[in-house]
Amino acid sequence: MSVTESTRQSAKRSRSPRGSGETLRSDILDATTELLLEHGDADAVSIRAVARKVGVTSPSIYRHFADKDALIEAVCTRYFEQLNDVLSEATAGMEHPLEALAAQGMAYIRFAVGTPELYRLATMSISHEQSTTDMVLQSSAFAQFADKVSEAMEIGYYPKGDVLPLVLQLWAAAHGVAALMIAKPYLPWGDDFALANSVLQAVCIGQPVVDLLGGDPTPTEAAQWVEQQRAAAAAEKVKKR
């Protein structure tokens, strides 16, 4: 079952009795999520519409959420909590951190493309202060990326140091591909996210090459190094014949 299907089903479950605390809060989030999926626009979702869908009055909504912004923020926060579970499942049983990083990136992209309305709302809204959703990102998706980057550093695949720059690179690549696939679905992305996989491979593998070339090579220096490696590989093949 896809994340979208799961979200829709949870939003359509039986309504809880009024005044049931956390259960009512969950029902409100479910109803808001379904309305967002139906309309694809937060501006089209009102407190009154959410209350009508749950079967309560508008003041009942305000007892759990200060305003509409707080309600939408809570929906986004729960969305990224789901992402945390998706990333964990994607790397289950994987031993090499590079394999795990690539798997995390692909899981992130698939999750985003599978829930475009919620992903757009959660990640593409401009904010000038750190929101609750941003904090969830850092504690879930960010933390999982960071753990694997740290493991790659420990085995010498990446140079040891601050994990944040590499995590940001990986997240930027995954987010960039996801955002483009959502905004421009008609472009030739390839079967089964083929282009997304190629981008993630380039990012995961490219950093060690950059490090070998001194950390800040020019394009010409990088091209010369690639040609040297190709020539060495060709010479080795001739030697083995």
Protein backbone atom coordinates (compact mmCIF):
# COMPACT_ATOMS: atom_id res chain seq x y z
CA MET A 1 0.00 0.00 0.00
CA SER A 2 1.36 3.42 -0.94
CA VAL A 3 1.80 6.26 1.54
CA THR A 4 -0.93 8.20 -0.28
CA GLU A 5 -3.39 5.30 -0.03
CA SER A 6 -2.55 4.81 3.64
CA THR A 7 -3.05 8.51 4.32
CA ARG A 8 -6.37 8.57 2.52
CA GLN A 9 -7.62 5.49 4.34
CA SER A 10 -6.61 6.83 7.74
CA ALA A 11 -8.42 10.08 6.94
CA LYS A 12 -11.63 8.15 6.16
CA ARG A 13 -11.75 6.05 9.30
CA SER A 14 -14.67 6.14 11.74
CA ARG A 15 -15.18 9.43 13.55
CA SER A 16 -14.41 9.54 17.24
CA PRO A 17 -16.84 10.77 19.91
CA ARG A 18 -16.66 14.46 20.65
CA GLY A 19 -14.28 15.48 23.42
CA SER A 20 -12.08 12.36 23.10
CA GLY A 21 -8.83 14.33 23.40
CA GLU A 22 -5.96 12.89 21.39
CA THR A 23 -8.32 10.78 19.29
CA LEU A 24 -10.23 13.87 18.20
CA ARG A 25 -6.95 15.64 17.45
CA SER A 26 -5.95 12.72 15.22
CA ASP A 27 -9.33 12.85 13.47
CA ILE A 28 -8.83 16.55 12.80
CA LEU A 29 -5.41 15.90 11.27
CA ASP A 30 -6.82 13.06 9.16
CA ALA A 31 -9.64 15.26 7.86
CA THR A 32 -7.27 18.12 7.07
CA THR A 33 -4.94 15.75 5.23
CA GLU A 34 -7.76 14.40 3.09
CA LEU A 35 -8.95 17.91 2.22
CA LEU A 36 -5.41 18.89 1.25
CA LEU A 37 -5.17 15.81 -0.98
CA GLU A 38 -8.54 16.62 -2.56
CA HIS A 39 -7.82 20.29 -3.25
CA GLY A 40 -4.03 20.28 -3.59
CA ASP A 41 -3.93 23.74 -2.05
CA ALA A 42 -3.81 24.81 1.59
CA ASP A 43 -5.65 28.04 0.72
CA ALA A 44 -8.66 25.95 -0.29
CA VAL A 45 -8.88 24.29 3.13
CA SER A 46 -10.68 26.15 5.91
CA ILE A 47 -11.23 25.47 9.61
CA ARG A 48 -14.96 25.35 8.92
CA ALA A 49 -14.49 22.70 6.21
CA VAL A 50 -12.32 20.59 8.52
CA ALA A 51 -14.87 20.86 11.33
CA ARG A 52 -17.66 19.84 8.96
CA LYS A 53 -15.71 16.81 7.79
CA VAL A 54 -14.90 15.66 11.34
CA GLY A 55 -18.44 16.31 12.54
CA VAL A 56 -17.63 18.93 15.18
CA THR A 57 -17.92 22.69 15.51
CA SER A 58 -15.15 25.12 14.59
CA PRO A 59 -14.43 25.99 18.26
CA SER A 60 -13.61 22.30 18.79
CA ILE A 61 -10.82 22.65 16.25
CA TYR A 62 -9.44 25.73 17.99
CA ARG A 63 -9.23 23.83 21.28
CA HIS A 64 -6.51 21.70 19.65
CA PHE A 65 -4.93 24.17 17.21
CA ALA A 66 -4.46 27.91 17.69
CA ASP A 67 -5.24 28.71 14.07
CA LYS A 68 -5.20 27.29 10.55
CA ASP A 69 -1.43 27.75 10.23
CA ALA A 70 -0.88 25.64 13.34
CA LEU A 71 -3.18 22.96 11.95
CA ILE A 72 -1.38 22.82 8.60
CA GLU A 73 1.96 22.76 10.43
CA ALA A 74 0.82 19.75 12.46
CA VAL A 75 -0.20 17.91 9.28
CA CYS A 76 3.24 18.55 7.78
CA THR A 77 4.97 17.45 10.96
CA ARG A 78 3.10 14.15 10.96
CA TYR A 79 3.94 13.74 7.27
CA PHE A 80 7.67 13.90 8.02
CA GLU A 81 7.27 11.50 10.91
CA GLN A 82 5.97 9.05 8.30
CA LEU A 83 9.06 9.78 6.20
CA ASN A 84 11.21 8.75 9.14
CA ASP A 85 9.59 5.31 9.10
CA VAL A 86 9.96 5.04 5.31
CA LEU A 87 13.71 5.75 5.47
CA SER A 88 14.18 3.19 8.24
CA GLU A 89 12.43 0.51 6.22
CA ALA A 90 14.46 1.36 3.10
CA THR A 91 17.79 0.55 4.77
CA ALA A 92 16.75 -2.51 6.76
CA GLY A 93 19.45 -5.22 6.46
CA MET A 94 21.93 -3.03 4.56
CA GLU A 95 25.48 -3.13 5.89
CA HIS A 96 27.45 -0.74 3.67
CA PRO A 97 26.67 2.93 4.43
CA LEU A 98 27.00 3.95 0.77
CA GLU A 99 24.32 1.44 -0.23
CA ALA A 100 22.16 2.72 2.63
CA LEU A 101 22.63 6.38 1.62
CA ALA A 102 21.55 5.65 -1.95
CA ALA A 103 18.56 3.67 -0.67
CA GLN A 104 17.57 6.50 1.65
CA GLY A 105 17.75 8.99 -1.19
CA MET A 106 15.57 6.84 -3.44
CA ALA A 107 13.06 6.21 -0.65
CA TYR A 108 12.89 9.96 0.00
CA ILE A 109 12.21 10.71 -3.68
CA ARG A 110 9.59 7.97 -4.04
CA PHE A 111 7.85 9.17 -0.87
CA ALA A 112 7.78 12.76 -2.11
CA VAL A 113 6.55 11.90 -5.61
CA GLY A 114 3.92 9.59 -4.13
CA THR A 115 2.48 12.43 -2.02
CA PRO A 116 3.10 15.55 -4.13
CA GLU A 117 0.54 17.88 -2.55
CA LEU A 118 1.75 17.27 0.99
CA TYR A 119 5.41 17.30 -0.03
CA ARG A 120 5.02 20.62 -1.83
CA LEU A 121 3.26 22.10 1.18
CA ALA A 122 5.78 20.77 3.70
CA THR A 123 9.00 21.64 1.87
CA MET A 124 8.34 24.41 -0.64
CA SER A 125 6.66 27.02 1.55
CA ILE A 126 8.93 29.95 2.35
CA SER A 127 9.57 30.49 6.07
CA HIS A 128 11.98 32.83 7.83
CA GLU A 129 12.01 31.02 11.15
CA GLN A 130 12.58 27.39 12.00
CA SER A 131 9.19 25.71 12.09
CA THR A 132 8.14 22.53 13.85
CA THR A 133 8.29 20.74 10.50
CA ASP A 134 11.91 21.85 10.02
CA MET A 135 12.76 20.46 13.44
CA VAL A 136 11.17 17.14 12.56
CA LEU A 137 13.22 17.07 9.37
CA GLN A 138 16.40 17.48 11.36
CA SER A 139 15.44 14.83 13.87
CA SER A 140 14.28 12.24 11.34
CA ALA A 141 15.40 12.49 7.71
CA PHE A 142 18.43 14.61 8.60
CA ALA A 143 19.42 12.33 11.45
CA GLN A 144 19.21 9.20 9.34
CA PHE A 145 21.25 10.71 6.51
CA ALA A 146 23.76 11.96 9.09
CA ASP A 147 24.11 8.53 10.70
CA LYS A 148 25.02 6.89 7.38
CA VAL A 149 27.40 9.69 6.40
CA SER A 150 29.11 9.28 9.78
CA GLU A 151 29.43 5.52 9.19
CA ALA A 152 30.96 6.19 5.75
CA MET A 153 33.47 8.50 7.40
CA GLU A 154 34.38 5.84 9.95
CA ILE A 155 35.31 3.32 7.24
CA GLY A 156 37.29 5.95 5.33
CA TYR A 157 34.96 6.33 2.38
CA TYR A 158 34.34 10.00 3.16
CA PRO A 159 36.95 12.22 4.84
CA LYS A 160 36.27 12.62 8.55
CA GLY A 161 34.82 15.91 9.67
CA ASP A 162 31.51 17.71 10.04
CA VAL A 163 28.71 15.57 8.57
CA LEU A 164 26.39 18.54 7.94
CA PRO A 165 27.84 19.69 4.57
CA LEU A 166 27.54 16.18 3.11
CA VAL A 167 24.06 15.68 4.53
CA LEU A 168 22.97 18.95 2.93
CA GLN A 169 24.44 17.83 -0.40
CA LEU A 170 22.55 14.55 -0.28
CA TRP A 171 19.32 16.18 0.82
CA ALA A 172 19.66 18.89 -1.86
CA ALA A 173 20.06 16.21 -4.53
CA ALA A 174 17.09 14.15 -3.32
CA HIS A 175 14.88 17.20 -2.85
CA GLY A 176 15.89 18.70 -6.17
CA VAL A 177 15.04 15.57 -8.12
CA ALA A 178 11.78 15.10 -6.22
CA ALA A 179 10.72 18.71 -6.76
CA LEU A 180 11.42 18.52 -10.50
CA MET A 181 9.61 15.20 -10.88
CA ILE A 182 6.59 16.68 -9.12
CA ALA A 183 6.62 19.97 -11.04
CA LYS A 184 7.58 18.52 -14.46
CA PRO A 185 6.26 14.92 -14.55
CA TYR A 186 6.21 14.91 -18.36
CA LEU A 187 10.01 15.07 -18.69
CA PRO A 188 11.86 11.81 -19.58
CA TRP A 189 12.75 10.66 -16.06
CA GLY A 190 13.24 7.05 -17.18
CA ASP A 191 11.62 3.84 -16.01
CA ASP A 192 11.42 3.18 -12.28
CA PHE A 193 13.09 6.47 -11.27
CA ALA A 194 16.19 5.70 -13.37
CA LEU A 195 17.37 9.31 -13.62
CA ALA A 196 16.85 9.86 -9.89
CA ASN A 197 19.03 6.84 -9.20
CA SER A 198 21.78 8.19 -11.48
CA VAL A 199 21.78 11.56 -9.73
CA LEU A 200 22.06 9.96 -6.29
CA GLN A 201 24.89 7.71 -7.45
CA ALA A 202 26.78 10.73 -8.78
CA VAL A 203 26.40 12.58 -5.48
CA CYS A 204 27.30 9.61 -3.27
CA ILE A 205 30.31 8.59 -5.34
CA GLY A 206 31.46 12.04 -6.42
CA GLN A 207 32.55 13.34 -3.03
CA PRO A 208 35.42 10.82 -2.56
CA VAL A 209 36.69 11.70 -6.03
CA VAL A 210 36.63 15.40 -5.17
CA ASP A 211 38.53 14.62 -1.98
CA LEU A 212 41.18 12.66 -3.91
CA LEU A 213 41.70 15.68 -6.15
CA GLY A 214 42.42 17.99 -3.25
CA GLY A 215 38.93 18.98 -2.16
CA ASP A 216 38.31 21.77 -4.67
CA PRO A 217 39.36 20.69 -8.19
CA THR A 218 38.55 22.71 -11.26
CA PRO A 219 36.47 21.03 -13.98
CA THR A 220 39.62 20.72 -16.10
CA GLU A 221 41.53 18.99 -13.29
CA ALA A 222 38.65 16.60 -12.73
CA ALA A 223 38.43 15.80 -16.44
CA GLN A 224 42.18 15.13 -16.61
CA TRP A 225 41.93 12.77 -13.63
CA VAL A 226 39.07 10.86 -15.27
CA GLU A 227 41.08 10.49 -18.49
CA GLN A 228 44.06 9.19 -16.51
CA GLN A 229 41.88 6.59 -14.81
CA ARG A 230 40.40 5.50 -18.13
CA ALA A 231 43.85 5.19 -19.69
CA ALA A 232 45.09 3.16 -16.72
CA ALA A 233 42.06 0.86 -16.91
CA ALA A 234 42.57 0.35 -20.67
CA ALA A 235 46.25 -0.45 -20.14
CA GLU A 236 45.36 -2.98 -17.46
CA LYS A 237 42.95 -4.73 -19.81
CA VAL A 238 45.64 -4.97 -22.51
CA LYS A 239 48.08 -6.42 -19.95
CA LYS A 240 45.63 -9.15 -18.97
CA ARG A 241 45.07 -10.34 -22.53
